[in-house]
């Protein structure tokens, strides 16, 4: 397994193996994000969503393996699969299983609040 090369934290300059910030600066950044956006729970991501999401990913893996259908890119192999709302919660989407699709993290990030 390759080790990540050390790089300076974007905030304080301390060398870290993290992608952008050292652990203390990342924690402070996340706290600020949570204050602005609200925590996942405050945004409506409850235990029901976590259960539905875990079931969707498990079912997808059982049927398709580690394969992302892609979002504005061709389908591809991916081990970092996540559940995503088809109709975003911010636009009135629900946590029901028929409003869930499975995408890899990069595709989920690319999609953001855009409906299918």
N, C-alpha and C. Protein backbone atom coordinates (compact mmCIF):
# COMPACT_ATOMS: atom_id res chain seq x y z
N UNK A 1 0.84 -1.18 0.00
CA UNK A 1 0.00 0.00 0.00
C UNK A 1 0.89 1.24 0.00
N UNK A 2 0.62 2.13 -0.92
CA UNK A 2 1.41 3.34 -1.02
C UNK A 2 1.03 4.32 0.09
N UNK A 3 2.02 4.99 0.62
CA UNK A 3 1.74 5.99 1.65
C UNK A 3 1.54 7.34 0.98
N UNK A 4 0.69 8.14 1.55
CA UNK A 4 0.47 9.48 1.02
C UNK A 4 1.67 10.35 1.36
N UNK A 5 1.99 11.19 0.44
CA UNK A 5 3.09 12.10 0.70
C UNK A 5 2.59 13.24 1.57
N UNK A 6 3.46 13.75 2.38
CA UNK A 6 3.08 14.83 3.30
C UNK A 6 3.00 16.14 2.53
N UNK A 7 2.03 16.95 2.90
CA UNK A 7 1.86 18.26 2.28
C UNK A 7 1.44 19.26 3.34
N UNK A 8 1.62 20.54 3.09
CA UNK A 8 1.26 21.53 4.11
C UNK A 8 -0.25 21.72 4.21
N UNK A 9 -0.70 21.90 5.44
CA UNK A 9 -2.10 22.23 5.71
C UNK A 9 -2.40 23.57 5.05
N UNK A 10 -3.57 23.70 4.43
CA UNK A 10 -3.95 24.94 3.77
C UNK A 10 -4.12 26.11 4.74
N UNK A 11 -4.35 25.80 6.02
CA UNK A 11 -4.62 26.85 7.00
C UNK A 11 -3.36 27.24 7.76
N UNK A 12 -2.72 26.25 8.38
CA UNK A 12 -1.60 26.58 9.28
C UNK A 12 -0.22 26.20 8.73
N UNK A 13 -0.18 25.42 7.66
CA UNK A 13 1.10 25.04 7.07
C UNK A 13 1.77 23.82 7.66
N UNK A 14 1.20 23.24 8.73
CA UNK A 14 1.76 22.03 9.32
C UNK A 14 1.71 20.90 8.30
N UNK A 15 2.77 20.11 8.22
CA UNK A 15 2.77 18.98 7.29
C UNK A 15 1.77 17.92 7.73
N UNK A 16 1.00 17.42 6.77
CA UNK A 16 -0.02 16.41 7.06
C UNK A 16 -0.12 15.44 5.90
N UNK A 17 -0.65 14.27 6.15
CA UNK A 17 -0.91 13.30 5.07
C UNK A 17 -2.35 13.43 4.57
N UNK A 18 -3.14 14.28 5.20
CA UNK A 18 -4.51 14.53 4.76
C UNK A 18 -4.49 15.31 3.44
N UNK A 19 -5.57 15.29 2.68
CA UNK A 19 -5.59 15.97 1.39
C UNK A 19 -5.43 17.49 1.46
N UNK A 20 -5.99 18.14 2.49
CA UNK A 20 -5.95 19.60 2.47
C UNK A 20 -5.63 20.27 3.81
N UNK A 21 -6.11 19.72 4.92
CA UNK A 21 -5.93 20.35 6.22
C UNK A 21 -5.45 19.32 7.25
N UNK A 22 -4.70 19.80 8.24
CA UNK A 22 -4.32 18.93 9.35
C UNK A 22 -5.58 18.62 10.16
N UNK A 23 -5.53 17.63 11.02
CA UNK A 23 -6.72 17.21 11.77
C UNK A 23 -7.35 18.34 12.57
N UNK A 24 -6.59 19.13 13.35
CA UNK A 24 -7.23 20.22 14.11
C UNK A 24 -7.90 21.26 13.20
N UNK A 25 -7.22 21.64 12.10
CA UNK A 25 -7.82 22.63 11.20
C UNK A 25 -9.03 22.07 10.47
N UNK A 26 -9.00 20.77 10.13
CA UNK A 26 -10.15 20.13 9.49
C UNK A 26 -11.33 20.12 10.44
N UNK A 27 -11.10 19.83 11.71
CA UNK A 27 -12.18 19.81 12.70
C UNK A 27 -12.79 21.21 12.84
N UNK A 28 -11.95 22.23 12.89
CA UNK A 28 -12.46 23.61 13.00
C UNK A 28 -13.24 23.99 11.75
N UNK A 29 -12.74 23.60 10.58
CA UNK A 29 -13.43 23.89 9.32
C UNK A 29 -14.80 23.20 9.29
N UNK A 30 -14.83 21.93 9.73
CA UNK A 30 -16.10 21.18 9.74
C UNK A 30 -17.11 21.81 10.70
N UNK A 31 -16.64 22.28 11.85
CA UNK A 31 -17.54 22.97 12.79
C UNK A 31 -18.14 24.20 12.15
N UNK A 32 -17.33 24.96 11.44
CA UNK A 32 -17.83 26.15 10.76
C UNK A 32 -18.84 25.76 9.68
N UNK A 33 -18.56 24.71 8.92
CA UNK A 33 -19.50 24.24 7.90
C UNK A 33 -20.83 23.84 8.52
N UNK A 34 -20.76 23.13 9.66
CA UNK A 34 -21.97 22.69 10.34
C UNK A 34 -22.79 23.88 10.85
N UNK A 35 -22.11 24.93 11.29
CA UNK A 35 -22.83 26.13 11.74
C UNK A 35 -23.55 26.79 10.57
N UNK A 36 -22.91 26.83 9.42
CA UNK A 36 -23.49 27.47 8.25
C UNK A 36 -24.59 26.60 7.64
N UNK A 37 -24.29 25.35 7.37
CA UNK A 37 -25.24 24.45 6.71
C UNK A 37 -26.19 23.77 7.68
N UNK A 38 -25.78 23.63 8.91
CA UNK A 38 -26.50 22.78 9.85
C UNK A 38 -25.91 21.38 9.76
N UNK A 39 -26.02 20.64 10.82
CA UNK A 39 -25.48 19.28 10.83
C UNK A 39 -26.34 18.40 9.93
N UNK A 40 -25.87 17.21 9.65
CA UNK A 40 -26.64 16.27 8.83
C UNK A 40 -28.01 16.03 9.47
N UNK A 41 -28.04 15.86 10.77
CA UNK A 41 -29.31 15.62 11.45
C UNK A 41 -30.23 16.85 11.32
N UNK A 42 -29.67 18.03 11.47
CA UNK A 42 -30.48 19.24 11.33
C UNK A 42 -31.03 19.40 9.91
N UNK A 43 -30.30 18.88 8.91
CA UNK A 43 -30.76 18.96 7.53
C UNK A 43 -31.73 17.83 7.19
N UNK A 44 -32.05 16.97 8.16
CA UNK A 44 -33.06 15.94 7.94
C UNK A 44 -32.53 14.55 7.65
N UNK A 45 -31.23 14.34 7.78
CA UNK A 45 -30.66 13.02 7.54
C UNK A 45 -30.71 12.23 8.84
N UNK A 46 -31.83 11.56 9.05
CA UNK A 46 -32.12 10.85 10.30
C UNK A 46 -31.67 9.39 10.23
N UNK A 47 -31.97 8.67 11.28
CA UNK A 47 -31.67 7.23 11.31
C UNK A 47 -32.42 6.52 10.18
N UNK A 48 -33.63 6.96 9.88
CA UNK A 48 -34.40 6.35 8.77
C UNK A 48 -33.60 6.46 7.47
N UNK A 49 -33.01 7.64 7.20
CA UNK A 49 -32.22 7.81 5.98
C UNK A 49 -30.98 6.91 6.01
N UNK A 50 -30.29 6.86 7.13
CA UNK A 50 -29.09 6.03 7.21
C UNK A 50 -29.42 4.56 6.97
N UNK A 51 -30.55 4.10 7.49
CA UNK A 51 -30.98 2.71 7.27
C UNK A 51 -31.33 2.49 5.80
N UNK A 52 -32.11 3.38 5.23
CA UNK A 52 -32.50 3.26 3.82
C UNK A 52 -31.27 3.30 2.92
N UNK A 53 -30.34 4.21 3.22
CA UNK A 53 -29.12 4.35 2.43
C UNK A 53 -28.28 3.08 2.50
N UNK A 54 -28.09 2.53 3.69
CA UNK A 54 -27.29 1.31 3.85
C UNK A 54 -27.93 0.15 3.09
N UNK A 55 -29.25 0.04 3.15
CA UNK A 55 -29.96 -1.02 2.43
C UNK A 55 -29.80 -0.86 0.92
N UNK A 56 -29.89 0.37 0.44
CA UNK A 56 -29.77 0.63 -1.00
C UNK A 56 -28.38 0.26 -1.50
N UNK A 57 -27.35 0.64 -0.75
CA UNK A 57 -25.98 0.32 -1.16
C UNK A 57 -25.75 -1.19 -1.11
N UNK A 58 -26.23 -1.86 -0.07
CA UNK A 58 -26.07 -3.32 0.04
C UNK A 58 -26.78 -4.03 -1.11
N UNK A 59 -27.99 -3.59 -1.44
CA UNK A 59 -28.75 -4.21 -2.53
C UNK A 59 -28.04 -3.96 -3.87
N UNK A 60 -27.55 -2.74 -4.07
CA UNK A 60 -26.82 -2.42 -5.30
C UNK A 60 -25.59 -3.30 -5.45
N UNK A 61 -24.83 -3.44 -4.35
CA UNK A 61 -23.62 -4.27 -4.41
C UNK A 61 -23.96 -5.74 -4.70
N UNK A 62 -25.06 -6.23 -4.12
CA UNK A 62 -25.46 -7.61 -4.35
C UNK A 62 -25.83 -7.83 -5.81
N UNK A 63 -26.45 -6.83 -6.43
CA UNK A 63 -26.89 -6.97 -7.82
C UNK A 63 -25.81 -6.60 -8.84
N UNK A 64 -25.00 -5.57 -8.54
CA UNK A 64 -24.08 -5.02 -9.54
C UNK A 64 -22.62 -5.03 -9.12
N UNK A 65 -22.32 -5.40 -7.89
CA UNK A 65 -20.95 -5.34 -7.40
C UNK A 65 -20.52 -3.89 -7.18
N UNK A 66 -19.23 -3.66 -7.20
CA UNK A 66 -18.68 -2.31 -7.00
C UNK A 66 -18.67 -1.57 -8.34
N UNK A 67 -19.84 -1.16 -8.76
CA UNK A 67 -20.00 -0.53 -10.07
C UNK A 67 -20.90 0.68 -9.93
N UNK A 68 -20.42 1.84 -10.34
CA UNK A 68 -21.19 3.08 -10.29
C UNK A 68 -21.82 3.30 -11.66
N UNK A 69 -23.11 3.60 -11.72
CA UNK A 69 -23.74 3.85 -13.01
C UNK A 69 -23.28 5.16 -13.65
N UNK A 70 -22.61 6.00 -12.89
CA UNK A 70 -22.07 7.25 -13.41
C UNK A 70 -23.09 8.37 -13.38
N UNK A 71 -22.61 9.57 -13.21
CA UNK A 71 -23.43 10.78 -13.29
C UNK A 71 -22.74 11.71 -14.26
N UNK A 72 -23.28 11.82 -15.46
CA UNK A 72 -22.70 12.61 -16.56
C UNK A 72 -21.31 12.12 -16.94
N UNK A 73 -21.02 10.87 -16.60
CA UNK A 73 -19.82 10.17 -17.04
C UNK A 73 -20.25 8.72 -17.27
N UNK A 74 -19.48 7.94 -18.05
CA UNK A 74 -19.83 6.54 -18.26
C UNK A 74 -19.77 5.74 -16.95
N UNK A 75 -20.52 4.65 -16.91
CA UNK A 75 -20.47 3.75 -15.76
C UNK A 75 -19.03 3.29 -15.55
N UNK A 76 -18.66 3.06 -14.28
CA UNK A 76 -17.28 2.72 -13.98
C UNK A 76 -17.20 1.94 -12.66
N UNK A 77 -16.07 1.28 -12.49
CA UNK A 77 -15.81 0.55 -11.25
C UNK A 77 -15.56 1.55 -10.12
N UNK A 78 -16.12 1.27 -8.94
CA UNK A 78 -15.94 2.17 -7.80
C UNK A 78 -16.24 1.43 -6.51
N UNK A 79 -15.37 1.56 -5.53
CA UNK A 79 -15.60 0.91 -4.24
C UNK A 79 -16.23 1.84 -3.22
N UNK A 80 -16.24 3.13 -3.49
CA UNK A 80 -16.76 4.12 -2.54
C UNK A 80 -18.20 4.51 -2.88
N UNK A 81 -19.09 3.52 -2.89
CA UNK A 81 -20.48 3.75 -3.26
C UNK A 81 -21.25 4.42 -2.12
N UNK A 82 -22.14 5.35 -2.48
CA UNK A 82 -22.96 6.06 -1.52
C UNK A 82 -24.40 6.12 -2.03
N UNK A 83 -25.32 6.29 -1.12
CA UNK A 83 -26.72 6.49 -1.49
C UNK A 83 -26.95 7.97 -1.73
N UNK A 84 -27.79 8.27 -2.70
CA UNK A 84 -28.06 9.65 -3.08
C UNK A 84 -29.55 9.82 -3.31
N UNK A 85 -30.09 10.96 -2.87
CA UNK A 85 -31.49 11.25 -3.16
C UNK A 85 -31.62 11.61 -4.64
N UNK A 86 -32.57 11.00 -5.33
CA UNK A 86 -32.83 11.34 -6.73
C UNK A 86 -33.41 12.76 -6.77
N UNK A 87 -34.48 12.98 -6.02
CA UNK A 87 -35.02 14.32 -5.82
C UNK A 87 -34.44 14.81 -4.49
N UNK A 88 -33.59 15.83 -4.51
CA UNK A 88 -32.92 16.27 -3.28
C UNK A 88 -33.90 16.67 -2.18
N UNK A 89 -33.49 16.43 -0.94
CA UNK A 89 -34.33 16.82 0.21
C UNK A 89 -34.62 18.32 0.18
N UNK A 90 -33.64 19.12 -0.25
CA UNK A 90 -33.81 20.57 -0.31
C UNK A 90 -34.90 20.97 -1.31
N UNK A 91 -35.22 20.05 -2.24
CA UNK A 91 -36.25 20.31 -3.24
C UNK A 91 -37.49 19.47 -2.98
N UNK A 92 -37.65 19.00 -1.74
CA UNK A 92 -38.85 18.26 -1.37
C UNK A 92 -38.76 16.75 -1.49
N UNK A 93 -37.58 16.21 -1.79
CA UNK A 93 -37.41 14.77 -1.90
C UNK A 93 -37.59 14.08 -0.55
N UNK A 94 -37.94 12.81 -0.59
CA UNK A 94 -38.17 12.04 0.63
C UNK A 94 -37.07 11.00 0.82
N UNK A 95 -37.13 10.33 1.96
CA UNK A 95 -36.18 9.26 2.27
C UNK A 95 -36.69 7.89 1.82
N UNK A 96 -37.75 7.84 1.03
CA UNK A 96 -38.29 6.55 0.61
C UNK A 96 -37.33 5.86 -0.35
N UNK A 97 -37.31 4.53 -0.34
CA UNK A 97 -36.38 3.78 -1.19
C UNK A 97 -36.51 4.10 -2.68
N UNK A 98 -37.70 4.48 -3.14
CA UNK A 98 -37.84 4.79 -4.57
C UNK A 98 -37.25 6.16 -4.94
N UNK A 99 -36.75 6.91 -3.96
CA UNK A 99 -36.09 8.18 -4.21
C UNK A 99 -34.59 8.08 -3.93
N UNK A 100 -34.05 6.86 -4.01
CA UNK A 100 -32.63 6.63 -3.71
C UNK A 100 -31.95 6.00 -4.91
N UNK A 101 -30.79 6.53 -5.25
CA UNK A 101 -29.93 5.90 -6.25
C UNK A 101 -28.56 5.72 -5.63
N UNK A 102 -27.77 4.83 -6.18
CA UNK A 102 -26.43 4.58 -5.66
C UNK A 102 -25.42 5.12 -6.66
N UNK A 103 -24.52 5.96 -6.17
CA UNK A 103 -23.44 6.55 -6.97
C UNK A 103 -22.15 6.48 -6.16
N UNK A 104 -21.01 6.58 -6.85
CA UNK A 104 -19.75 6.70 -6.12
C UNK A 104 -19.65 8.12 -5.57
N UNK A 105 -18.75 8.35 -4.65
CA UNK A 105 -18.62 9.70 -4.05
C UNK A 105 -18.35 10.80 -5.08
N UNK A 106 -17.42 10.60 -6.03
CA UNK A 106 -17.20 11.68 -7.01
C UNK A 106 -18.46 12.00 -7.84
N UNK A 107 -19.21 10.98 -8.25
CA UNK A 107 -20.44 11.23 -9.01
C UNK A 107 -21.49 11.90 -8.13
N UNK A 108 -21.59 11.46 -6.87
CA UNK A 108 -22.53 12.07 -5.94
C UNK A 108 -22.18 13.55 -5.75
N UNK A 109 -20.91 13.86 -5.61
CA UNK A 109 -20.49 15.26 -5.46
C UNK A 109 -20.76 16.05 -6.73
N UNK A 110 -20.53 15.43 -7.88
CA UNK A 110 -20.75 16.10 -9.16
C UNK A 110 -22.24 16.44 -9.32
N UNK A 111 -23.09 15.55 -8.86
CA UNK A 111 -24.53 15.74 -9.02
C UNK A 111 -25.04 16.87 -8.13
N UNK A 112 -24.57 16.89 -6.91
CA UNK A 112 -24.98 17.84 -5.88
C UNK A 112 -26.49 17.97 -5.85
N UNK A 113 -27.05 19.13 -5.94
CA UNK A 113 -28.51 19.30 -5.80
C UNK A 113 -29.25 19.29 -7.14
N UNK A 114 -28.71 18.60 -8.12
CA UNK A 114 -29.38 18.51 -9.41
C UNK A 114 -30.18 17.22 -9.49
N UNK A 115 -31.48 17.27 -9.83
CA UNK A 115 -32.26 16.05 -9.96
C UNK A 115 -31.81 15.24 -11.16
N UNK A 116 -32.13 13.95 -11.17
CA UNK A 116 -31.77 13.08 -12.29
C UNK A 116 -32.30 13.55 -13.61
